[in-house]
Amino acid sequence: MLVLVGIRWLAPPELTAWMTDPARDFVTLSISVIIESLPFVFLGIVLSSLVQVWLPEGFLLRRLPKNPAARRLSISLLGVLLPVCECGNVPLSRGLIMSGLTVADSMTFLFAAPIINPITIITTYQAFGWNDGILVSRIVGGLLIANLVGWIFSRHPQPETLLTPGFQEACAVDAAAPRTGRVRRTFLQFSTETSAMMPALFIGAGIAGLIQVAVSRNLLVALGSNPLWSVLALMLLAFVVAICSNVDAFFILSFGSTFLPGGIVAFLVFGPMIDVKMLALLRTTFTAKTLVQVSILIAMCAATLGLAVNFVF
């Protein structure tokens, strides 16, 4: 942050004089995604390191229900205790897998946590209150979709194949590492997770900025009054803008007079689960095939939820 502020104050005007308006927009939007996401990514990495190093082995597993469905439901509710958006939940879910949680269980946490974390709930209420069932639809719909994803992938016969070879190797190394020197292991884990997350975050932010410059928002707004296209348009917008779940309710509030409630709910549910930045971060852990399957499944569920809200309200 200090480096960026220093560049802004000290750089001569000629440094950016050559840039066109689209180029300026690209830089501004990309940097804004990075600045917005970075604190939560670091918070997630810190929590991930603490979970892996400082909690006793099997601490979480011993306290979760034995029944798979009840366990996934309990895990999906953990987000209430963590004020971390979707960016920070990726390294945290990686830490949960390394701690012994199944891939399906970690997916359930990963997709539910950013929607039901306390900051997200409060900001959504502040933006919409109880109007049109937006808040309730977001919370209940997010939990249902996350648990559905977890249930479907819990049926996979070889869940380890859902993970990238690099992450499988990291899990194997972590399991074989000696359990001594917790402070040193914490710093090593923090360094490892940071080196995995940072490139993905910068690449995802760059892609998000590029798409926002290339895609016309006027086109999206023009589709807002149609019950079907309003849902699809706002899902596309959520995928493109890649905005943090802690503040996305205030962003989409400005579209409230243009789009139907179902489209807003689809935006608020789909965006925290799948966007260009999130896919870049998830690619550090899951294979491309897995991400395609997850993205299609969540998109279909979010669209169905949005259409149902439009039908009811």
C-alpha atoms as a PDB file:
ATOM      1  CA  MET A   1       0.000   0.000   0.000  1.00  0.00           C
ATOM      2  CA  LEU A   2       2.807   2.425   0.913  1.00  0.00           C
ATOM      3  CA  VAL A   3       4.582   1.654  -2.360  1.00  0.00           C
ATOM      4  CA  LEU A   4       1.424   2.360  -4.382  1.00  0.00           C
ATOM      5  CA  VAL A   5       0.752   5.609  -2.505  1.00  0.00           C
ATOM      6  CA  GLY A   6       4.395   6.652  -2.962  1.00  0.00           C
ATOM      7  CA  ILE A   7       4.236   6.014  -6.694  1.00  0.00           C
ATOM      8  CA  ARG A   8       1.000   8.015  -6.919  1.00  0.00           C
ATOM      9  CA  TRP A   9       2.512  11.025  -5.120  1.00  0.00           C
ATOM     10  CA  LEU A  10       6.013  11.012  -6.565  1.00  0.00           C
ATOM     11  CA  ALA A  11       5.504   9.830 -10.139  1.00  0.00           C
ATOM     12  CA  PRO A  12       5.604  12.625 -12.737  1.00  0.00           C
ATOM     13  CA  PRO A  13       2.460  13.154 -14.864  1.00  0.00           C
ATOM     14  CA  GLU A  14       4.405  12.141 -17.969  1.00  0.00           C
ATOM     15  CA  LEU A  15       4.619   8.588 -16.623  1.00  0.00           C
ATOM     16  CA  THR A  16       0.990   7.890 -17.538  1.00  0.00           C
ATOM     17  CA  ALA A  17       0.466  10.526 -20.220  1.00  0.00           C
ATOM     18  CA  TRP A  18       0.767   7.914 -22.978  1.00  0.00           C
ATOM     19  CA  MET A  19      -2.051   5.763 -21.587  1.00  0.00           C
ATOM     20  CA  THR A  20      -5.448   5.715 -23.270  1.00  0.00           C
ATOM     21  CA  ASP A  21      -8.661   5.799 -21.236  1.00  0.00           C
ATOM     22  CA  PRO A  22      -9.216   2.020 -21.542  1.00  0.00           C
ATOM     23  CA  ALA A  23      -5.633   1.420 -20.380  1.00  0.00           C
ATOM     24  CA  ARG A  24      -6.171   3.685 -17.379  1.00  0.00           C
ATOM     25  CA  ASP A  25      -9.422   1.887 -16.576  1.00  0.00           C
ATOM     26  CA  PHE A  26      -7.663  -1.481 -16.811  1.00  0.00           C
ATOM     27  CA  VAL A  27      -4.910  -0.433 -14.382  1.00  0.00           C
ATOM     28  CA  THR A  28      -7.363   1.196 -11.971  1.00  0.00           C
ATOM     29  CA  LEU A  29      -9.772  -1.745 -11.917  1.00  0.00           C
ATOM     30  CA  SER A  30      -7.009  -4.355 -11.584  1.00  0.00           C
ATOM     31  CA  ILE A  31      -5.316  -2.529  -8.723  1.00  0.00           C
ATOM     32  CA  SER A  32      -8.653  -1.985  -6.967  1.00  0.00           C
ATOM     33  CA  VAL A  33      -9.344  -5.740  -6.993  1.00  0.00           C
ATOM     34  CA  ILE A  34      -5.872  -6.420  -5.559  1.00  0.00           C
ATOM     35  CA  ILE A  35      -6.172  -3.779  -2.819  1.00  0.00           C
ATOM     36  CA  GLU A  36      -9.650  -4.975  -1.891  1.00  0.00           C
ATOM     37  CA  SER A  37      -8.651  -8.648  -1.765  1.00  0.00           C
ATOM     38  CA  LEU A  38      -5.141  -8.528  -0.326  1.00  0.00           C
ATOM     39  CA  PRO A  39      -6.020  -8.031   3.387  1.00  0.00           C
ATOM     40  CA  PHE A  40      -8.441 -10.956   3.311  1.00  0.00           C
ATOM     41  CA  VAL A  41      -5.998 -13.207   1.449  1.00  0.00           C
ATOM     42  CA  PHE A  42      -3.369 -12.556   4.116  1.00  0.00           C
ATOM     43  CA  LEU A  43      -5.936 -13.093   6.880  1.00  0.00           C
ATOM     44  CA  GLY A  44      -6.913 -16.406   5.289  1.00  0.00           C
ATOM     45  CA  ILE A  45      -3.268 -17.462   5.012  1.00  0.00           C
ATOM     46  CA  VAL A  46      -2.676 -16.597   8.690  1.00  0.00           C
ATOM     47  CA  LEU A  47      -5.763 -18.566   9.768  1.00  0.00           C
ATOM     48  CA  SER A  48      -4.700 -21.463   7.528  1.00  0.00           C
ATOM     49  CA  SER A  49      -1.235 -21.535   9.136  1.00  0.00           C
ATOM     50  CA  LEU A  50      -2.729 -21.426  12.637  1.00  0.00           C
ATOM     51  CA  VAL A  51      -5.159 -24.245  11.846  1.00  0.00           C
ATOM     52  CA  GLN A  52      -2.404 -26.484  10.481  1.00  0.00           C
ATOM     53  CA  VAL A  53       0.338 -25.752  13.006  1.00  0.00           C
ATOM     54  CA  TRP A  54      -1.227 -24.750  16.308  1.00  0.00           C
ATOM     55  CA  LEU A  55      -4.401 -26.818  16.549  1.00  0.00           C
ATOM     56  CA  PRO A  56      -3.847 -30.330  17.945  1.00  0.00           C
ATOM     57  CA  GLU A  57      -3.893 -33.026  15.299  1.00  0.00           C
ATOM     58  CA  GLY A  58      -7.462 -34.059  14.551  1.00  0.00           C
ATOM     59  CA  PHE A  59      -8.903 -31.233  16.668  1.00  0.00           C
ATOM     60  CA  LEU A  60     -11.605 -30.278  14.149  1.00  0.00           C
ATOM     61  CA  LEU A  61     -12.362 -33.800  13.009  1.00  0.00           C
ATOM     62  CA  ARG A  62     -13.024 -35.025  16.555  1.00  0.00           C
ATOM     63  CA  ARG A  63     -15.582 -32.243  17.136  1.00  0.00           C
ATOM     64  CA  LEU A  64     -17.540 -32.607  13.919  1.00  0.00           C
ATOM     65  CA  PRO A  65     -20.577 -34.914  13.581  1.00  0.00           C
ATOM     66  CA  LYS A  66     -19.891 -38.394  12.271  1.00  0.00           C
ATOM     67  CA  ASN A  67     -22.822 -38.310   9.867  1.00  0.00           C
ATOM     68  CA  PRO A  68     -21.493 -36.937   6.526  1.00  0.00           C
ATOM     69  CA  ALA A  69     -24.491 -34.681   5.810  1.00  0.00           C
ATOM     70  CA  ALA A  70     -24.531 -33.264   9.344  1.00  0.00           C
ATOM     71  CA  ARG A  71     -20.761 -32.764   9.198  1.00  0.00           C
ATOM     72  CA  ARG A  72     -20.982 -30.792   5.955  1.00  0.00           C
ATOM     73  CA  LEU A  73     -23.806 -28.678   7.349  1.00  0.00           C
ATOM     74  CA  SER A  74     -21.730 -27.906  10.450  1.00  0.00           C
ATOM     75  CA  ILE A  75     -18.721 -27.036   8.321  1.00  0.00           C
ATOM     76  CA  SER A  76     -20.800 -24.756   6.101  1.00  0.00           C
ATOM     77  CA  LEU A  77     -21.818 -22.793   9.211  1.00  0.00           C
ATOM     78  CA  LEU A  78     -18.209 -22.184  10.293  1.00  0.00           C
ATOM     79  CA  GLY A  79     -18.177 -19.062   8.133  1.00  0.00           C
ATOM     80  CA  VAL A  80     -20.341 -17.309  10.743  1.00  0.00           C
ATOM     81  CA  LEU A  81     -17.266 -17.251  12.987  1.00  0.00           C
ATOM     82  CA  LEU A  82     -14.858 -15.967  10.337  1.00  0.00           C
ATOM     83  CA  PRO A  83     -15.021 -12.432   8.856  1.00  0.00           C
ATOM     84  CA  VAL A  84     -13.127 -13.592   5.750  1.00  0.00           C
ATOM     85  CA  CYS A  85     -14.333 -13.122   2.182  1.00  0.00           C
ATOM     86  CA  GLU A  86     -13.947 -15.656  -0.624  1.00  0.00           C
ATOM     87  CA  CYS A  87     -10.308 -14.715  -1.307  1.00  0.00           C
ATOM     88  CA  GLY A  88      -9.156 -15.583   2.204  1.00  0.00           C
ATOM     89  CA  ASN A  89     -11.204 -18.757   2.345  1.00  0.00           C
ATOM     90  CA  VAL A  90      -9.143 -20.412  -0.396  1.00  0.00           C
ATOM     91  CA  PRO A  91      -5.929 -20.681   1.667  1.00  0.00           C
ATOM     92  CA  LEU A  92      -8.026 -21.504   4.732  1.00  0.00           C
ATOM     93  CA  SER A  93      -9.740 -24.394   2.953  1.00  0.00           C
ATOM     94  CA  ARG A  94      -6.334 -25.617   1.774  1.00  0.00           C
ATOM     95  CA  GLY A  95      -5.277 -25.677   5.410  1.00  0.00           C
ATOM     96  CA  LEU A  96      -8.397 -27.647   6.357  1.00  0.00           C
ATOM     97  CA  ILE A  97      -7.599 -30.282   3.717  1.00  0.00           C
ATOM     98  CA  MET A  98      -4.042 -30.548   5.029  1.00  0.00           C
ATOM     99  CA  SER A  99      -5.481 -30.956   8.521  1.00  0.00           C
ATOM    100  CA  GLY A 100      -7.444 -34.016   7.445  1.00  0.00           C
ATOM    101  CA  LEU A 101     -10.750 -32.658   6.154  1.00  0.00           C
ATOM    102  CA  THR A 102     -12.095 -34.355   3.025  1.00  0.00           C
ATOM    103  CA  VAL A 103     -12.130 -32.544  -0.301  1.00  0.00           C
ATOM    104  CA  ALA A 104     -15.944 -32.483  -0.372  1.00  0.00           C
ATOM    105  CA  ASP A 105     -16.135 -31.079   3.159  1.00  0.00           C
ATOM    106  CA  SER A 106     -13.629 -28.349   2.318  1.00  0.00           C
ATOM    107  CA  MET A 107     -15.655 -27.451  -0.786  1.00  0.00           C
ATOM    108  CA  THR A 108     -18.758 -27.073   1.366  1.00  0.00           C
ATOM    109  CA  PHE A 109     -16.938 -24.658   3.666  1.00  0.00           C
ATOM    110  CA  LEU A 110     -15.279 -22.856   0.772  1.00  0.00           C
ATOM    111  CA  PHE A 111     -18.509 -21.933  -1.016  1.00  0.00           C
ATOM    112  CA  ALA A 112     -20.688 -21.286   2.048  1.00  0.00           C
ATOM    113  CA  ALA A 113     -18.311 -19.261   4.211  1.00  0.00           C
ATOM    114  CA  PRO A 114     -18.076 -16.056   2.136  1.00  0.00           C
ATOM    115  CA  ILE A 115     -21.870 -15.740   2.018  1.00  0.00           C
ATOM    116  CA  ILE A 116     -22.660 -16.337   5.686  1.00  0.00           C
ATOM    117  CA  ASN A 117     -19.690 -14.556   7.248  1.00  0.00           C
ATOM    118  CA  PRO A 118     -20.932 -11.859   9.656  1.00  0.00           C
ATOM    119  CA  ILE A 119     -19.712  -8.862   7.648  1.00  0.00           C
ATOM    120  CA  THR A 120     -21.454 -10.090   4.504  1.00  0.00           C
ATOM    121  CA  ILE A 121     -24.734 -10.623   6.369  1.00  0.00           C
ATOM    122  CA  ILE A 122     -24.585  -7.190   7.998  1.00  0.00           C
ATOM    123  CA  THR A 123     -23.745  -5.335   4.771  1.00  0.00           C
ATOM    124  CA  THR A 124     -26.475  -7.169   2.854  1.00  0.00           C
ATOM    125  CA  TYR A 125     -29.000  -6.234   5.534  1.00  0.00           C
ATOM    126  CA  GLN A 126     -27.819  -2.615   5.525  1.00  0.00           C
ATOM    127  CA  ALA A 127     -28.211  -2.478   1.736  1.00  0.00           C
ATOM    128  CA  PHE A 128     -31.537  -4.274   1.291  1.00  0.00           C
ATOM    129  CA  GLY A 129     -33.067  -4.912   4.715  1.00  0.00           C
ATOM    130  CA  TRP A 130     -35.796  -7.533   4.427  1.00  0.00           C
ATOM    131  CA  ASN A 131     -36.986  -6.245   1.037  1.00  0.00           C
ATOM    132  CA  ASP A 132     -37.984  -8.840  -1.585  1.00  0.00           C
ATOM    133  CA  GLY A 133     -36.460 -11.668   0.440  1.00  0.00           C
ATOM    134  CA  ILE A 134     -32.973 -10.814  -0.874  1.00  0.00           C
ATOM    135  CA  LEU A 135     -31.149 -11.322   2.439  1.00  0.00           C
ATOM    136  CA  VAL A 136     -32.919 -14.582   3.322  1.00  0.00           C
ATOM    137  CA  SER A 137     -32.574 -15.923  -0.220  1.00  0.00           C
ATOM    138  CA  ARG A 138     -28.853 -15.172  -0.206  1.00  0.00           C
ATOM    139  CA  ILE A 139     -28.163 -16.924   3.103  1.00  0.00           C
ATOM    140  CA  VAL A 140     -30.436 -19.932   2.634  1.00  0.00           C
ATOM    141  CA  GLY A 141     -29.629 -20.310  -1.072  1.00  0.00           C
ATOM    142  CA  GLY A 142     -25.887 -20.073  -0.438  1.00  0.00           C
ATOM    143  CA  LEU A 143     -26.029 -22.762   2.254  1.00  0.00           C
ATOM    144  CA  LEU A 144     -28.143 -25.079   0.100  1.00  0.00           C
ATOM    145  CA  ILE A 145     -25.891 -24.723  -2.947  1.00  0.00           C
ATOM    146  CA  ALA A 146     -22.699 -25.226  -0.916  1.00  0.00           C
ATOM    147  CA  ASN A 147     -24.084 -28.365   0.733  1.00  0.00           C
ATOM    148  CA  LEU A 148     -25.312 -29.676  -2.621  1.00  0.00           C
ATOM    149  CA  VAL A 149     -21.830 -29.218  -4.108  1.00  0.00           C
ATOM    150  CA  GLY A 150     -20.314 -30.974  -1.102  1.00  0.00           C
ATOM    151  CA  TRP A 151     -22.759 -33.876  -1.347  1.00  0.00           C
ATOM    152  CA  ILE A 152     -22.206 -34.381  -5.085  1.00  0.00           C
ATOM    153  CA  PHE A 153     -18.415 -34.390  -4.810  1.00  0.00           C
ATOM    154  CA  SER A 154     -18.528 -36.608  -1.706  1.00  0.00           C
ATOM    155  CA  ARG A 155     -19.757 -39.344  -4.073  1.00  0.00           C
ATOM    156  CA  HIS A 156     -16.560 -39.119  -6.138  1.00  0.00           C
ATOM    157  CA  PRO A 157     -14.731 -42.478  -6.045  1.00  0.00           C
ATOM    158  CA  GLN A 158     -11.258 -40.878  -6.084  1.00  0.00           C
ATOM    159  CA  PRO A 159     -11.507 -37.469  -4.399  1.00  0.00           C
ATOM    160  CA  GLU A 160      -7.741 -36.950  -4.436  1.00  0.00           C
ATOM    161  CA  THR A 161      -7.878 -36.649  -8.227  1.00  0.00           C
ATOM    162  CA  LEU A 162      -9.908 -33.440  -7.793  1.00  0.00           C
ATOM    163  CA  LEU A 163      -6.743 -31.759  -6.482  1.00  0.00           C
ATOM    164  CA  THR A 164      -3.789 -30.536  -8.508  1.00  0.00           C
ATOM    165  CA  PRO A 165      -0.638 -32.691  -8.390  1.00  0.00           C
ATOM    166  CA  GLY A 166       1.238 -29.784  -6.810  1.00  0.00           C
ATOM    167  CA  PHE A 167      -1.216 -29.495  -3.926  1.00  0.00           C
ATOM    168  CA  GLN A 168      -1.271 -33.277  -3.441  1.00  0.00           C
ATOM    169  CA  GLU A 169       2.504 -33.156  -3.133  1.00  0.00           C
ATOM    170  CA  ALA A 170       2.268 -30.274  -0.637  1.00  0.00           C
ATOM    171  CA  CYS A 171      -0.170 -32.312   1.482  1.00  0.00           C
ATOM    172  CA  ALA A 172       2.179 -35.293   1.417  1.00  0.00           C
ATOM    173  CA  VAL A 173       5.153 -33.138   2.438  1.00  0.00           C
ATOM    174  CA  ASP A 174       3.141 -31.553   5.254  1.00  0.00           C
ATOM    175  CA  ALA A 175       2.057 -34.957   6.551  1.00  0.00           C
ATOM    176  CA  ALA A 176       5.667 -36.182   6.612  1.00  0.00           C
ATOM    177  CA  ALA A 177       7.120 -33.040   8.187  1.00  0.00           C
ATOM    178  CA  PRO A 178       8.353 -33.302  11.807  1.00  0.00           C
ATOM    179  CA  ARG A 179       5.977 -31.778  14.377  1.00  0.00           C
ATOM    180  CA  THR A 180       8.533 -29.571  16.110  1.00  0.00           C
ATOM    181  CA  GLY A 181       9.349 -25.864  16.022  1.00  0.00           C
ATOM    182  CA  ARG A 182       5.825 -24.455  15.677  1.00  0.00           C
ATOM    183  CA  VAL A 183       6.916 -20.853  15.167  1.00  0.00           C
ATOM    184  CA  ARG A 184       9.291 -21.845  12.372  1.00  0.00           C
ATOM    185  CA  ARG A 185       6.657 -24.079  10.778  1.00  0.00           C
ATOM    186  CA  THR A 186       4.135 -21.231  10.964  1.00  0.00           C
ATOM    187  CA  PHE A 187       6.436 -18.903   9.044  1.00  0.00           C
ATOM    188  CA  LEU A 188       7.284 -21.622   6.525  1.00  0.00           C
ATOM    189  CA  GLN A 189       3.592 -22.381   5.988  1.00  0.00           C
ATOM    190  CA  PHE A 190       2.821 -18.671   5.622  1.00  0.00           C
ATOM    191  CA  SER A 191       5.602 -18.336   3.046  1.00  0.00           C
ATOM    192  CA  THR A 192       4.437 -21.393   1.100  1.00  0.00           C
ATOM    193  CA  GLU A 193       0.805 -20.300   0.969  1.00  0.00           C
ATOM    194  CA  THR A 194       1.742 -16.721   0.066  1.00  0.00           C
ATOM    195  CA  SER A 195       3.906 -17.865  -2.846  1.00  0.00           C
ATOM    196  CA  ALA A 196       0.983 -19.991  -4.095  1.00  0.00           C
ATOM    197  CA  MET A 197      -1.747 -17.368  -3.637  1.00  0.00           C
ATOM    198  CA  MET A 198      -0.088 -14.108  -4.737  1.00  0.00           C
ATOM    199  CA  PRO A 199       0.588 -14.953  -8.405  1.00  0.00           C
ATOM    200  CA  ALA A 200      -2.952 -16.297  -8.737  1.00  0.00           C
ATOM    201  CA  LEU A 201      -4.392 -13.142  -7.166  1.00  0.00           C
ATOM    202  CA  PHE A 202      -2.473 -10.814  -9.495  1.00  0.00           C
ATOM    203  CA  ILE A 203      -3.364 -12.864 -12.575  1.00  0.00           C
ATOM    204  CA  GLY A 204      -7.033 -13.031 -11.541  1.00  0.00           C
ATOM    205  CA  ALA A 205      -7.150  -9.284 -10.867  1.00  0.00           C
ATOM    206  CA  GLY A 206      -5.612  -8.572 -14.270  1.00  0.00           C
ATOM    207  CA  ILE A 207      -8.153 -10.783 -16.025  1.00  0.00           C
ATOM    208  CA  ALA A 208     -11.010  -9.157 -14.088  1.00  0.00           C
ATOM    209  CA  GLY A 209      -9.795  -5.674 -15.078  1.00  0.00           C
ATOM    210  CA  LEU A 210      -9.399  -6.689 -18.721  1.00  0.00           C
ATOM    211  CA  ILE A 211     -12.883  -8.173 -18.953  1.00  0.00           C
ATOM    212  CA  GLN A 212     -14.468  -5.144 -17.300  1.00  0.00           C
ATOM    213  CA  VAL A 213     -12.866  -2.880 -19.885  1.00  0.00           C
ATOM    214  CA  ALA A 214     -13.915  -5.127 -22.768  1.00  0.00           C
ATOM    215  CA  VAL A 215     -17.525  -5.871 -21.710  1.00  0.00           C
ATOM    216  CA  SER A 216     -20.047  -3.035 -21.937  1.00  0.00           C
ATOM    217  CA  ARG A 217     -22.007  -2.546 -18.733  1.00  0.00           C
ATOM    218  CA  ASN A 218     -24.682  -0.708 -20.717  1.00  0.00           C
ATOM    219  CA  LEU A 219     -25.456  -3.979 -22.452  1.00  0.00           C
ATOM    220  CA  LEU A 220     -25.885  -5.717 -19.114  1.00  0.00           C
ATOM    221  CA  VAL A 221     -28.148  -2.992 -17.765  1.00  0.00           C
ATOM    222  CA  ALA A 222     -30.317  -3.154 -20.895  1.00  0.00           C
ATOM    223  CA  LEU A 223     -31.185  -6.747 -20.009  1.00  0.00           C
ATOM    224  CA  GLY A 224     -32.273  -5.953 -16.456  1.00  0.00           C
ATOM    225  CA  SER A 225     -36.046  -5.920 -16.844  1.00  0.00           C
ATOM    226  CA  ASN A 226     -36.387  -9.435 -18.255  1.00  0.00           C
ATOM    227  CA  PRO A 227     -36.965 -12.158 -15.599  1.00  0.00           C
ATOM    228  CA  LEU A 228     -34.528 -14.572 -17.268  1.00  0.00           C
ATOM    229  CA  TRP A 229     -31.968 -12.253 -18.797  1.00  0.00           C
ATOM    230  CA  SER A 230     -31.744 -10.125 -15.651  1.00  0.00           C
ATOM    231  CA  VAL A 231     -30.546 -13.210 -13.761  1.00  0.00           C
ATOM    232  CA  LEU A 232     -28.039 -14.235 -16.430  1.00  0.00           C
ATOM    233  CA  ALA A 233     -26.796 -10.676 -16.942  1.00  0.00           C
ATOM    234  CA  LEU A 234     -26.081 -10.088 -13.262  1.00  0.00           C
ATOM    235  CA  MET A 235     -24.390 -13.474 -12.938  1.00  0.00           C
ATOM    236  CA  LEU A 236     -22.142 -12.434 -15.809  1.00  0.00           C
ATOM    237  CA  LEU A 237     -21.543  -9.110 -14.095  1.00  0.00           C
ATOM    238  CA  ALA A 238     -20.643 -10.888 -10.831  1.00  0.00           C
ATOM    239  CA  PHE A 239     -18.179 -13.078 -12.725  1.00  0.00           C
ATOM    240  CA  VAL A 240     -16.600 -10.050 -14.387  1.00  0.00           C
ATOM    241  CA  VAL A 241     -16.296  -7.487 -11.600  1.00  0.00           C
ATOM    242  CA  ALA A 242     -14.908 -10.012  -9.073  1.00  0.00           C
ATOM    243  CA  ILE A 243     -15.892  -7.834  -6.116  1.00  0.00           C
ATOM    244  CA  CYS A 244     -15.434  -8.897  -2.494  1.00  0.00           C
ATOM    245  CA  SER A 245     -18.453 -10.519  -0.835  1.00  0.00           C
ATOM    246  CA  ASN A 246     -18.106  -8.151   2.122  1.00  0.00           C
ATOM    247  CA  VAL A 247     -19.064  -5.144  -0.018  1.00  0.00           C
ATOM    248  CA  ASP A 248     -20.840  -6.563  -3.074  1.00  0.00           C
ATOM    249  CA  ALA A 249     -24.287  -5.728  -1.641  1.00  0.00           C
ATOM    250  CA  PHE A 250     -23.534  -1.998  -1.754  1.00  0.00           C
ATOM    251  CA  PHE A 251     -22.166  -2.356  -5.285  1.00  0.00           C
ATOM    252  CA  ILE A 252     -25.270  -4.063  -6.624  1.00  0.00           C
ATOM    253  CA  LEU A 253     -27.601  -1.756  -4.679  1.00  0.00           C
ATOM    254  CA  SER A 254     -27.155   0.845  -7.414  1.00  0.00           C
ATOM    255  CA  PHE A 255     -28.731  -1.646  -9.864  1.00  0.00           C
ATOM    256  CA  GLY A 256     -31.744  -2.234  -7.608  1.00  0.00           C
ATOM    257  CA  SER A 257     -34.057   0.063  -9.553  1.00  0.00           C
ATOM    258  CA  THR A 258     -33.068  -1.522 -12.872  1.00  0.00           C
ATOM    259  CA  PHE A 259     -32.884  -5.253 -12.168  1.00  0.00           C
ATOM    260  CA  LEU A 260     -35.447  -7.636 -10.721  1.00  0.00           C
ATOM    261  CA  PRO A 261     -34.829  -9.115  -7.223  1.00  0.00           C
ATOM    262  CA  GLY A 262     -33.953 -12.543  -8.635  1.00  0.00           C
ATOM    263  CA  GLY A 263     -31.099 -11.088 -10.636  1.00  0.00           C
ATOM    264  CA  ILE A 264     -29.713  -9.377  -7.533  1.00  0.00           C
ATOM    265  CA  VAL A 265     -29.932 -12.617  -5.525  1.00  0.00           C
ATOM    266  CA  ALA A 266     -28.167 -14.521  -8.308  1.00  0.00           C
ATOM    267  CA  PHE A 267     -25.419 -11.865  -8.285  1.00  0.00           C
ATOM    268  CA  LEU A 268     -25.027 -12.061  -4.504  1.00  0.00           C
ATOM    269  CA  VAL A 269     -24.869 -15.869  -4.492  1.00  0.00           C
ATOM    270  CA  PHE A 270     -22.898 -16.634  -7.643  1.00  0.00           C
ATOM    271  CA  GLY A 271     -20.248 -13.913  -7.277  1.00  0.00           C
ATOM    272  CA  PRO A 272     -18.781 -15.031  -3.923  1.00  0.00           C
ATOM    273  CA  MET A 273     -18.557 -18.607  -5.179  1.00  0.00           C
ATOM    274  CA  ILE A 274     -17.300 -18.178  -8.745  1.00  0.00           C
ATOM    275  CA  ASP A 275     -15.628 -15.214 -10.453  1.00  0.00           C
ATOM    276  CA  VAL A 276     -12.479 -14.750 -12.522  1.00  0.00           C
ATOM    277  CA  LYS A 277     -10.342 -13.888  -9.493  1.00  0.00           C
ATOM    278  CA  MET A 278     -11.751 -16.785  -7.497  1.00  0.00           C
ATOM    279  CA  LEU A 279     -11.093 -19.256 -10.315  1.00  0.00           C
ATOM    280  CA  ALA A 280      -7.466 -18.144 -10.480  1.00  0.00           C
ATOM    281  CA  LEU A 281      -7.113 -18.738  -6.739  1.00  0.00           C
ATOM    282  CA  LEU A 282      -8.956 -22.061  -6.861  1.00  0.00           C
ATOM    283  CA  ARG A 283      -6.675 -23.264  -9.662  1.00  0.00           C
ATOM    284  CA  THR A 284      -3.862 -23.465  -7.080  1.00  0.00           C
ATOM    285  CA  THR A 285      -5.784 -26.306  -5.417  1.00  0.00           C
ATOM    286  CA  PHE A 286      -8.249 -27.929  -7.826  1.00  0.00           C
ATOM    287  CA  THR A 287      -7.785 -29.291 -11.329  1.00  0.00           C
ATOM    288  CA  ALA A 288      -9.200 -27.443 -14.331  1.00  0.00           C
ATOM    289  CA  LYS A 289     -11.741 -30.225 -14.929  1.00  0.00           C
ATOM    290  CA  THR A 290     -12.981 -29.930 -11.353  1.00  0.00           C
ATOM    291  CA  LEU A 291     -13.367 -26.166 -11.655  1.00  0.00           C
ATOM    292  CA  VAL A 292     -15.356 -26.489 -14.889  1.00  0.00           C
ATOM    293  CA  GLN A 293     -17.710 -28.973 -13.239  1.00  0.00           C
ATOM    294  CA  VAL A 294     -18.083 -26.858 -10.082  1.00  0.00           C
ATOM    295  CA  SER A 295     -18.637 -23.657 -12.077  1.00  0.00           C
ATOM    296  CA  ILE A 296     -21.386 -25.190 -14.218  1.00  0.00           C
ATOM    297  CA  LEU A 297     -23.102 -26.725 -11.187  1.00  0.00           C
ATOM    298  CA  ILE A 298     -23.051 -23.500  -9.155  1.00  0.00           C
ATOM    299  CA  ALA A 299     -24.132 -21.411 -12.154  1.00  0.00           C
ATOM    300  CA  MET A 300     -27.157 -23.649 -12.747  1.00  0.00           C
ATOM    301  CA  CYS A 301     -28.106 -23.543  -9.056  1.00  0.00           C
ATOM    302  CA  ALA A 302     -27.683 -19.763  -8.789  1.00  0.00           C
ATOM    303  CA  ALA A 303     -29.744 -19.204 -11.945  1.00  0.00           C
ATOM    304  CA  THR A 304     -32.505 -21.498 -10.639  1.00  0.00           C
ATOM    305  CA  LEU A 305     -32.514 -19.626  -7.329  1.00  0.00           C
ATOM    306  CA  GLY A 306     -32.720 -16.267  -9.096  1.00  0.00           C
ATOM    307  CA  LEU A 307     -35.601 -17.399 -11.319  1.00  0.00           C
ATOM    308  CA  ALA A 308     -37.458 -18.762  -8.278  1.00  0.00           C
ATOM    309  CA  VAL A 309     -37.109 -15.411  -6.475  1.00  0.00           C
ATOM    310  CA  ASN A 310     -38.397 -13.561  -9.559  1.00  0.00           C
ATOM    311  CA  PHE A 311     -41.362 -15.920  -9.699  1.00  0.00           C
ATOM    312  CA  VAL A 312     -42.223 -15.441  -6.004  1.00  0.00           C
ATOM    313  CA  PHE A 313     -41.612 -11.682  -5.769  1.00  0.00           C
END
